[in-house]
Every structure is written in C-alpha cells, then in structure tokens.
Amino acid sequence: GGALPAFGPVWTLPTRREFGRSMSSCCDFARRGSEPKESNNNREECRHDDISREMVSTEILGNQLQFAIDPDRLREAGVVWDTAVVKCAAGMTPLVKRCIQRMTKTESGGHVNIIELGAGTGALGIGLGCAIENLNVCVTDLPPVVSLMASNVKIAQANRQVCKNSRVKARALPWSIDPNVPDPKSVFCDDAGDGAENKRVQSKKNSSESTSQKINNNRWHFVAACETLYWGGWTLFDEDTRLPQLCTMKCATANSPDCLLVVAFTVRDKSRETGFVLDDVGSFFWLKRIKLIRSSSGEDDDEDDDQCFTEQNDAETRAYVANAAEGDLLLFQGKRKSQ
C-alpha cells in the first residue's frame, strides 16, 4: 500500500562519478569509494566453466575466501568491494545469530533464509554462508552476472568452506516495478537430489513438517543490499534503477512482517542517496542504524536488539544518514511499516 515515489530526470552538471565514466577501468574502481584492497589480495588466475578469470583473496568474518572477479566485462558488478562487504557481514552476523536463536527456541526451527540483491561477485552472501551454520543464502543479480556468482559459490564449496547445514545459491533477479522475487523453497528445493528415493524421502520430510515450519522455511528473514545505490540513473541517459530497486526490496520483504532489510552504502552523491534512503525507503520501512561495537570476544557486534524499531530509532537513523559526509560507509536495517 501507499503511493510509490515518482522519479524524474536529474538536470545537473556532471558529477565526479559521471566524469569517471570516460576514464579507464582503473578510474572505474576509484569512483566507487570502497576501493579493493590490492595490498591484501593475492591475485592469481583460475578457470571455471571454461572461462578464465582473475582471482582475489578476501577475509570475511575470519575466513580467507577466494573470489573470481571480472571487472572488464561486468565493471562494478565484477569486483569485490572489501570495506563494504566486510562491514556489512559484521553488522549482519549478530542479527542473523539472534534470529537463529529465536527460531531454535520455537517449534518452527529450520534455516534462516537470506536473499542478497545486486550481489555482484556474491562475496557478502558467500561470506555469511561460510561463517554461520543453518543458513539458506540466495545471491542475486542481473542474468549476465549469474555465472560469476555461481563460480564463486562453487569455489567455496570446492574448498569445503561453506558451513555445516548452510547452502548458497546464485539466481538471476533483475529489479523491476513488478519483480519476480523467488521464494526460498523454489531456490533450495533441488538440494534433495533428482533420484526417486531422494524425492520420496524429501516428500516424507515435507509431510511431517508442521505448518509453522513450512511457513517459516518459505519466507526471507533477511534482504541484503550492499553497495547498490550507486547503480543507474546518474545521468539523463542512464536507466534510473532507484524505483525498481525499492519495489524489489518491498516485494522481497512482503511475506514476512519480521523480515529485516539490511542496506550498506558509501556516500558518493549525498543528495541523491540520502533522498532515496530517507524519503523513498523510509516511506515503507522503519529505519534503524546498525552500530558496530567490539564485544568481549573480540568480534564486532550490534549493541541493540534488532526487534526494537521505534520512532526514536527511526529519527536517530535519519539524522545519521543526513549528517554523513562523502566517503562515509553507512549501515542500517529496516522493517516494513504497516501500510
């Protein structure tokens, strides 16, 4: 419910980012703000699915993971943006673990289901799947990007880094006004195998599940969008993806009142990004800042209960976004408002 925001062409002088479009690929990296850590990445080359790709090594949640990249073909989508991915993973981890604890205490049980929008290399979703047990993670992006994400999922699986009882899948999900967001069951149902015996066992398992289990296992608990606000609509001739992205966020969170939207982005064009977050996303989601603190165990943790969404938290988050400076990395969560 509620009226969707209207977006029109933006008549402005070229920004620093627009000027960067005419530069070389190295300038493409620079304009993202969250530049890859070249000194920390051991680069090599690998071949997956008969496609030769460059490799980088990135530490996420204590695990050293290998990722294929393809910046020449996919530009921003083909690169691992270390700072944003690492911080977003650290911010999501306590939220996901608390969700697992709540599910364990109830009869619903099952996996925590996470879908990532505009995942690019899939580094965030794969990093979570390699650090936390009992996750179903679906990394999504445009169809041309799926092969890169799928290659990186295979690399993590081949290295036996995906956690026990966790699964990671790559799927195409173009943003649109009326997006076709997959449900968890459609993404992960093939893990039972294709044989008749496997199908019989899975059918028996499904029939024994309680209604609450089936409902819980076929909805997304988290919808993540890491560094997706830079994409599209920066000039009159670019497709404006803000409204399609917002519609996809709404659709992915529609079937679960407790689903959390997690957004991380680097401030590049403050007026555009803060306007999108505060006016557009904020029209449909209560916003709450994710504050990373150092716990006694040495891990980053969020100091607040993710279930506490209030007018005060919403106001604090709006001030946090409004007061950000260019180059700041912002991290917040949102919960659907009752429309």
Protein backbone atom coordinates (compact mmCIF):
# COMPACT_ATOMS: atom_id res chain seq x y z
CA GLY A 1 0.00 0.00 0.00
CA GLY A 2 0.96 3.65 -0.19
CA ALA A 3 1.90 5.69 -3.19
CA LEU A 4 5.23 4.94 -4.81
CA PRO A 5 7.62 7.88 -5.21
CA ALA A 6 7.98 9.39 -8.66
CA PHE A 7 11.42 9.85 -10.17
CA GLY A 8 12.22 12.21 -12.99
CA PRO A 9 15.36 13.12 -14.92
CA VAL A 10 18.09 14.86 -12.98
CA TRP A 11 19.37 18.02 -14.66
CA THR A 12 22.75 18.64 -13.06
CA LEU A 13 26.29 19.33 -14.08
CA PRO A 14 28.42 16.21 -14.43
CA THR A 15 29.45 14.82 -11.05
CA ARG A 16 32.82 13.34 -10.25
CA ARG A 17 31.36 9.89 -10.82
CA GLU A 18 29.89 10.80 -14.22
CA PHE A 19 33.23 12.20 -15.33
CA GLY A 20 34.79 8.91 -14.31
CA ARG A 21 32.70 7.05 -16.89
CA SER A 22 35.00 8.31 -19.63
CA MET A 23 38.14 7.25 -17.82
CA SER A 24 39.93 3.92 -17.91
CA SER A 25 38.89 0.88 -15.90
CA CYS A 26 41.16 1.92 -13.05
CA CYS A 27 39.06 5.04 -12.64
CA ASP A 28 36.01 2.83 -12.51
CA PHE A 29 37.47 1.34 -9.35
CA ALA A 30 38.32 4.70 -7.81
CA ARG A 31 34.89 6.24 -8.15
CA ARG A 32 33.25 3.50 -6.09
CA GLY A 33 34.66 4.91 -2.84
CA SER A 34 35.06 1.44 -1.32
CA GLU A 35 38.17 0.56 -3.26
CA PRO A 36 39.52 -3.00 -3.37
CA LYS A 37 42.40 -3.64 -1.01
CA GLU A 38 45.02 -4.53 -3.57
CA SER A 39 47.76 -4.97 -0.99
CA ASN A 40 45.72 -7.56 0.93
CA ASN A 41 44.52 -9.57 -2.04
CA ASN A 42 46.66 -12.31 -3.54
CA ARG A 43 45.82 -12.20 -7.22
CA GLU A 44 46.01 -15.23 -9.45
CA GLU A 45 44.07 -16.71 -12.34
CA CYS A 46 41.64 -19.61 -12.40
CA ARG A 47 39.37 -21.29 -14.91
CA HIS A 48 35.75 -22.13 -14.12
CA ASP A 49 33.11 -23.17 -16.63
CA ASP A 50 35.73 -22.72 -19.37
CA ILE A 51 36.05 -19.03 -18.55
CA SER A 52 39.42 -17.72 -17.41
CA ARG A 53 39.00 -15.20 -14.59
CA GLU A 54 41.27 -13.30 -12.25
CA MET A 55 41.12 -14.33 -8.58
CA VAL A 56 41.33 -12.32 -5.37
CA SER A 57 41.56 -13.42 -1.74
CA THR A 58 39.46 -11.58 0.84
CA GLU A 59 38.98 -12.19 4.57
CA ILE A 60 35.33 -12.12 5.63
CA LEU A 61 34.26 -12.97 9.19
CA GLY A 62 37.61 -14.63 9.89
CA ASN A 63 37.62 -16.81 6.76
CA GLN A 64 40.06 -16.27 3.90
CA LEU A 65 37.89 -16.71 0.80
CA GLN A 66 38.76 -16.87 -2.88
CA PHE A 67 36.66 -14.98 -5.41
CA ALA A 68 36.74 -14.82 -9.19
CA ILE A 69 36.35 -11.26 -10.50
CA ASP A 70 35.53 -9.88 -13.93
CA PRO A 71 35.78 -6.06 -13.95
CA ASP A 72 36.46 -5.83 -17.69
CA ARG A 73 33.13 -7.43 -18.60
CA LEU A 74 30.94 -6.58 -15.60
CA ARG A 75 32.51 -3.32 -14.36
CA GLU A 76 31.41 -2.63 -10.75
CA ALA A 77 29.48 -5.89 -10.51
CA GLY A 78 32.63 -7.89 -11.22
CA VAL A 79 34.75 -6.63 -8.31
CA VAL A 80 34.86 -7.43 -4.58
CA TRP A 81 34.48 -4.20 -2.59
CA ASP A 82 36.20 -5.25 0.60
CA THR A 83 35.33 -2.48 3.04
CA ALA A 84 31.58 -2.52 2.48
CA VAL A 85 31.31 -6.32 2.31
CA VAL A 86 33.36 -6.90 5.46
CA LYS A 87 31.46 -4.28 7.47
CA CYS A 88 28.06 -5.40 6.21
CA ALA A 89 28.85 -9.03 7.07
CA ALA A 90 30.00 -7.98 10.55
CA GLY A 91 26.83 -5.96 11.04
CA MET A 92 24.54 -8.75 9.86
CA THR A 93 26.17 -11.56 11.84
CA PRO A 94 24.71 -10.76 15.30
CA LEU A 95 21.30 -10.11 13.73
CA VAL A 96 21.36 -13.47 11.95
CA LYS A 97 22.58 -15.34 15.03
CA ARG A 98 19.83 -13.84 17.16
CA CYS A 99 17.30 -14.90 14.53
CA ILE A 100 18.68 -18.46 14.69
CA GLN A 101 18.41 -18.43 18.49
CA ARG A 102 14.80 -17.29 18.37
CA MET A 103 13.94 -19.97 15.83
CA THR A 104 15.66 -22.64 17.93
CA LYS A 105 13.51 -21.71 20.94
CA THR A 106 10.30 -22.10 18.96
CA GLU A 107 8.77 -25.06 17.16
CA SER A 108 9.44 -23.53 13.75
CA GLY A 109 13.15 -24.34 13.57
CA GLY A 110 14.61 -24.63 10.09
CA HIS A 111 17.10 -22.45 8.26
CA VAL A 112 17.46 -18.68 8.29
CA ASN A 113 16.80 -17.53 4.73
CA ILE A 114 18.81 -14.63 3.28
CA ILE A 115 18.48 -13.08 -0.17
CA GLU A 116 21.04 -10.55 -1.42
CA LEU A 117 20.09 -8.02 -4.09
CA GLY A 118 22.71 -6.82 -6.58
CA ALA A 119 25.24 -9.26 -5.15
CA GLY A 120 27.86 -8.90 -7.91
CA THR A 121 30.57 -11.43 -7.05
CA GLY A 122 28.38 -12.83 -4.26
CA ALA A 123 31.05 -12.08 -1.67
CA LEU A 124 28.68 -10.94 1.10
CA GLY A 125 26.26 -13.86 0.85
CA ILE A 126 29.03 -16.41 0.40
CA GLY A 127 30.93 -14.91 3.35
CA LEU A 128 27.87 -15.33 5.58
CA GLY A 129 27.30 -18.90 4.38
CA CYS A 130 30.90 -19.77 5.19
CA ALA A 131 30.74 -18.35 8.71
CA ILE A 132 27.29 -19.26 10.07
CA GLU A 133 25.56 -22.63 10.18
CA ASN A 134 21.96 -23.29 9.15
CA LEU A 135 21.66 -20.59 6.51
CA ASN A 136 19.97 -20.62 3.13
CA VAL A 137 21.62 -17.81 1.16
CA CYS A 138 20.50 -16.74 -2.31
CA VAL A 139 22.80 -14.27 -4.07
CA THR A 140 21.10 -12.47 -6.96
CA ASP A 141 21.94 -10.04 -9.72
CA LEU A 142 21.30 -9.43 -13.42
CA PRO A 143 21.46 -12.50 -15.71
CA PRO A 144 24.94 -11.67 -17.13
CA VAL A 145 26.35 -11.71 -13.58
CA VAL A 146 24.95 -15.09 -12.51
CA SER A 147 27.82 -17.14 -13.98
CA LEU A 148 30.36 -15.17 -11.91
CA MET A 149 28.34 -15.61 -8.70
CA ALA A 150 27.84 -19.31 -9.41
CA SER A 151 31.59 -19.76 -10.00
CA ASN A 152 32.34 -18.20 -6.62
CA VAL A 153 29.78 -20.44 -4.91
CA LYS A 154 31.47 -23.47 -6.50
CA ILE A 155 34.88 -22.25 -5.34
CA ALA A 156 33.70 -22.01 -1.71
CA GLN A 157 32.08 -25.44 -1.97
CA ALA A 158 35.17 -26.99 -3.55
CA ASN A 159 37.31 -25.54 -0.75
CA ARG A 160 34.86 -27.01 1.79
CA GLN A 161 34.32 -23.60 3.33
CA VAL A 162 30.52 -23.47 3.35
CA CYS A 163 29.31 -24.14 6.88
CA LYS A 164 27.51 -27.26 8.04
CA ASN A 165 23.84 -27.27 7.07
CA SER A 166 24.26 -23.99 5.15
CA ARG A 167 23.56 -23.61 1.44
CA VAL A 168 24.39 -20.85 -1.05
CA LYS A 169 22.75 -20.49 -4.46
CA ALA A 170 23.06 -17.96 -7.28
CA ARG A 171 19.97 -16.75 -9.16
CA ALA A 172 19.04 -14.02 -11.63
CA LEU A 173 16.83 -11.26 -10.21
CA PRO A 174 16.51 -8.09 -12.28
CA TRP A 175 14.95 -5.22 -10.33
CA SER A 176 11.63 -4.02 -11.69
CA ILE A 177 8.34 -2.40 -10.74
CA ASP A 178 6.82 -5.89 -10.57
CA PRO A 179 9.81 -8.14 -9.75
CA ASN A 180 9.75 -11.92 -9.81
CA VAL A 181 11.39 -12.49 -6.43
CA PRO A 182 11.90 -16.24 -5.84
CA ASP A 183 10.83 -17.82 -2.58
CA PRO A 184 13.31 -19.95 -0.60
CA LYS A 185 11.59 -23.22 -1.45
CA SER A 186 11.93 -22.64 -5.19
CA VAL A 187 15.62 -21.81 -4.80
CA PHE A 188 16.70 -24.63 -2.50
CA CYS A 189 14.27 -27.48 -3.26
CA ASP A 190 16.69 -29.16 -5.69
CA ASP A 191 19.19 -29.89 -2.90
CA ALA A 192 17.31 -33.09 -2.12
CA GLY A 193 18.54 -34.57 -5.39
CA ASP A 194 16.81 -35.86 -8.51
CA GLY A 195 16.59 -39.56 -7.69
CA ALA A 196 13.27 -41.23 -6.88
CA GLU A 197 14.45 -42.26 -3.41
CA ASN A 198 15.60 -38.73 -2.62
CA LYS A 199 12.26 -37.36 -3.77
CA ARG A 200 10.40 -39.91 -1.63
CA VAL A 201 12.48 -39.03 1.43
CA GLN A 202 12.01 -35.30 0.82
CA SER A 203 8.27 -35.77 0.34
CA LYS A 204 8.04 -37.68 3.62
CA LYS A 205 10.07 -34.98 5.35
CA ASN A 206 7.85 -32.23 3.97
CA SER A 207 4.67 -34.05 5.03
CA SER A 208 5.97 -34.34 8.59
CA GLU A 209 6.73 -30.64 8.85
CA SER A 210 4.37 -28.54 10.91
CA THR A 211 2.50 -25.68 9.28
CA SER A 212 4.68 -23.19 11.14
CA GLN A 213 7.82 -24.87 9.79
CA LYS A 214 6.58 -24.69 6.21
CA ILE A 215 5.66 -21.02 6.54
CA ASN A 216 8.97 -20.21 8.23
CA ASN A 217 11.04 -22.08 5.67
CA ASN A 218 9.43 -20.37 2.69
CA ARG A 219 9.98 -16.73 3.53
CA TRP A 220 13.02 -14.49 3.58
CA HIS A 221 14.24 -13.47 7.02
CA PHE A 222 16.84 -11.01 5.65
CA VAL A 223 17.06 -8.98 2.46
CA ALA A 224 20.54 -7.51 1.97
CA ALA A 225 21.65 -4.75 -0.40
CA CYS A 226 25.34 -3.87 -0.17
CA GLU A 227 26.68 -1.04 -2.35
CA THR A 228 23.67 -0.98 -4.66
CA LEU A 229 22.79 2.72 -4.52
CA TYR A 230 25.49 3.79 -6.99
CA TRP A 231 23.92 1.94 -9.89
CA GLY A 232 21.95 3.69 -12.64
CA GLY A 233 20.17 6.98 -13.11
CA TRP A 234 23.24 9.16 -12.67
CA THR A 235 22.71 10.99 -15.94
CA LEU A 236 19.75 11.67 -18.20
CA PHE A 237 20.82 8.79 -20.44
CA ASP A 238 21.21 6.14 -17.72
CA GLU A 239 18.38 3.90 -16.62
CA ASP A 240 17.16 5.04 -13.20
CA THR A 241 17.06 1.93 -11.01
CA ARG A 242 16.00 3.56 -7.75
CA LEU A 243 12.29 2.84 -8.08
CA PRO A 244 12.81 -0.74 -9.40
CA GLN A 245 15.23 -1.39 -6.54
CA LEU A 246 12.74 -0.09 -3.98
CA CYS A 247 9.96 -2.22 -5.47
CA THR A 248 12.20 -5.30 -5.30
CA MET A 249 13.03 -4.57 -1.66
CA LYS A 250 9.32 -4.27 -0.88
CA CYS A 251 8.44 -7.46 -2.74
CA ALA A 252 11.20 -9.50 -1.06
CA THR A 253 10.06 -8.41 2.42
CA ALA A 254 6.32 -8.59 1.71
CA ASN A 255 5.55 -12.06 3.08
CA SER A 256 7.18 -11.65 6.47
CA PRO A 257 6.43 -8.88 8.97
CA ASP A 258 9.67 -9.71 10.82
CA CYS A 259 11.92 -9.68 7.74
CA LEU A 260 14.84 -7.27 8.05
CA LEU A 261 16.16 -5.18 5.19
CA VAL A 262 19.91 -4.55 5.59
CA VAL A 263 21.46 -1.80 3.49
CA ALA A 264 25.11 -0.72 3.30
CA PHE A 265 26.36 2.02 1.00
CA THR A 266 29.18 4.51 0.61
CA VAL A 267 28.12 8.13 0.33
CA ARG A 268 29.04 9.38 -3.15
CA ASP A 269 26.28 11.75 -4.20
CA LYS A 270 24.76 12.72 -0.87
CA SER A 271 21.61 14.48 -2.06
CA ARG A 272 20.56 11.58 -4.27
CA GLU A 273 21.44 8.79 -1.86
CA THR A 274 20.06 10.36 1.30
CA GLY A 275 16.91 11.33 -0.59
CA PHE A 276 16.43 7.74 -1.72
CA VAL A 277 17.05 6.30 1.75
CA LEU A 278 15.15 8.82 3.86
CA ASP A 279 12.27 9.74 1.57
CA ASP A 280 11.73 6.62 -0.52
CA VAL A 281 12.95 3.64 1.53
CA GLY A 282 11.88 5.46 4.69
CA SER A 283 8.33 5.73 3.36
CA PHE A 284 7.90 1.96 3.58
CA PHE A 285 10.44 0.86 6.22
CA TRP A 286 11.21 1.82 9.80
CA LEU A 287 14.93 2.56 9.80
CA LYS A 288 17.48 1.71 12.43
CA ARG A 289 21.24 2.23 12.39
CA ILE A 290 23.45 -0.82 12.81
CA LYS A 291 26.14 0.20 15.29
CA LEU A 292 29.21 -1.98 15.35
CA ILE A 293 30.93 -2.31 18.71
CA ARG A 294 33.76 -4.54 19.86
CA SER A 295 32.49 -7.36 22.06
CA SER A 296 34.44 -9.12 24.81
CA SER A 297 35.07 -11.99 22.39
CA GLY A 298 36.82 -9.59 20.01
CA GLU A 299 34.06 -9.82 17.41
CA ASP A 300 32.02 -6.96 16.05
CA ASP A 301 28.51 -6.94 17.49
CA ASP A 302 25.43 -4.80 17.21
CA GLU A 303 24.59 -3.25 20.57
CA ASP A 304 20.81 -3.12 20.14
CA ASP A 305 18.05 -5.70 19.83
CA ASP A 306 17.06 -5.93 16.16
CA GLN A 307 13.40 -6.26 17.19
CA CYS A 308 13.32 -2.74 18.68
CA PHE A 309 12.07 -0.40 15.95
CA THR A 310 10.72 2.84 17.37
CA GLU A 311 10.04 6.41 16.28
CA GLN A 312 13.17 7.41 18.22
CA ASN A 313 15.40 4.88 16.44
CA ASP A 314 13.92 5.97 13.12
CA ALA A 315 14.67 9.63 13.89
CA GLU A 316 18.24 8.80 15.00
CA THR A 317 18.89 6.85 11.81
CA ARG A 318 17.54 9.67 9.67
CA ALA A 319 19.93 12.07 11.42
CA TYR A 320 22.78 9.57 10.97
CA VAL A 321 22.18 9.44 7.21
CA ALA A 322 21.54 13.17 6.86
CA ASN A 323 24.77 14.08 8.71
CA ALA A 324 27.01 11.68 6.74
CA ALA A 325 29.91 13.02 4.71
CA GLU A 326 31.10 11.95 1.28
CA GLY A 327 33.07 8.72 1.55
CA ASP A 328 31.32 7.51 4.74
CA LEU A 329 30.08 3.92 4.78
CA LEU A 330 26.54 3.76 6.20
CA LEU A 331 24.93 0.60 7.52
CA PHE A 332 21.32 0.32 8.64
CA GLN A 333 18.41 -2.08 8.91
CA GLY A 334 14.76 -1.60 8.08
CA LYS A 335 11.48 -3.27 8.91
CA ARG A 336 8.31 -2.94 6.85
CA LYS A 337 5.78 -0.42 8.09
CA SER A 338 2.13 -1.36 8.31
CA GLN A 339 0.57 0.17 5.23
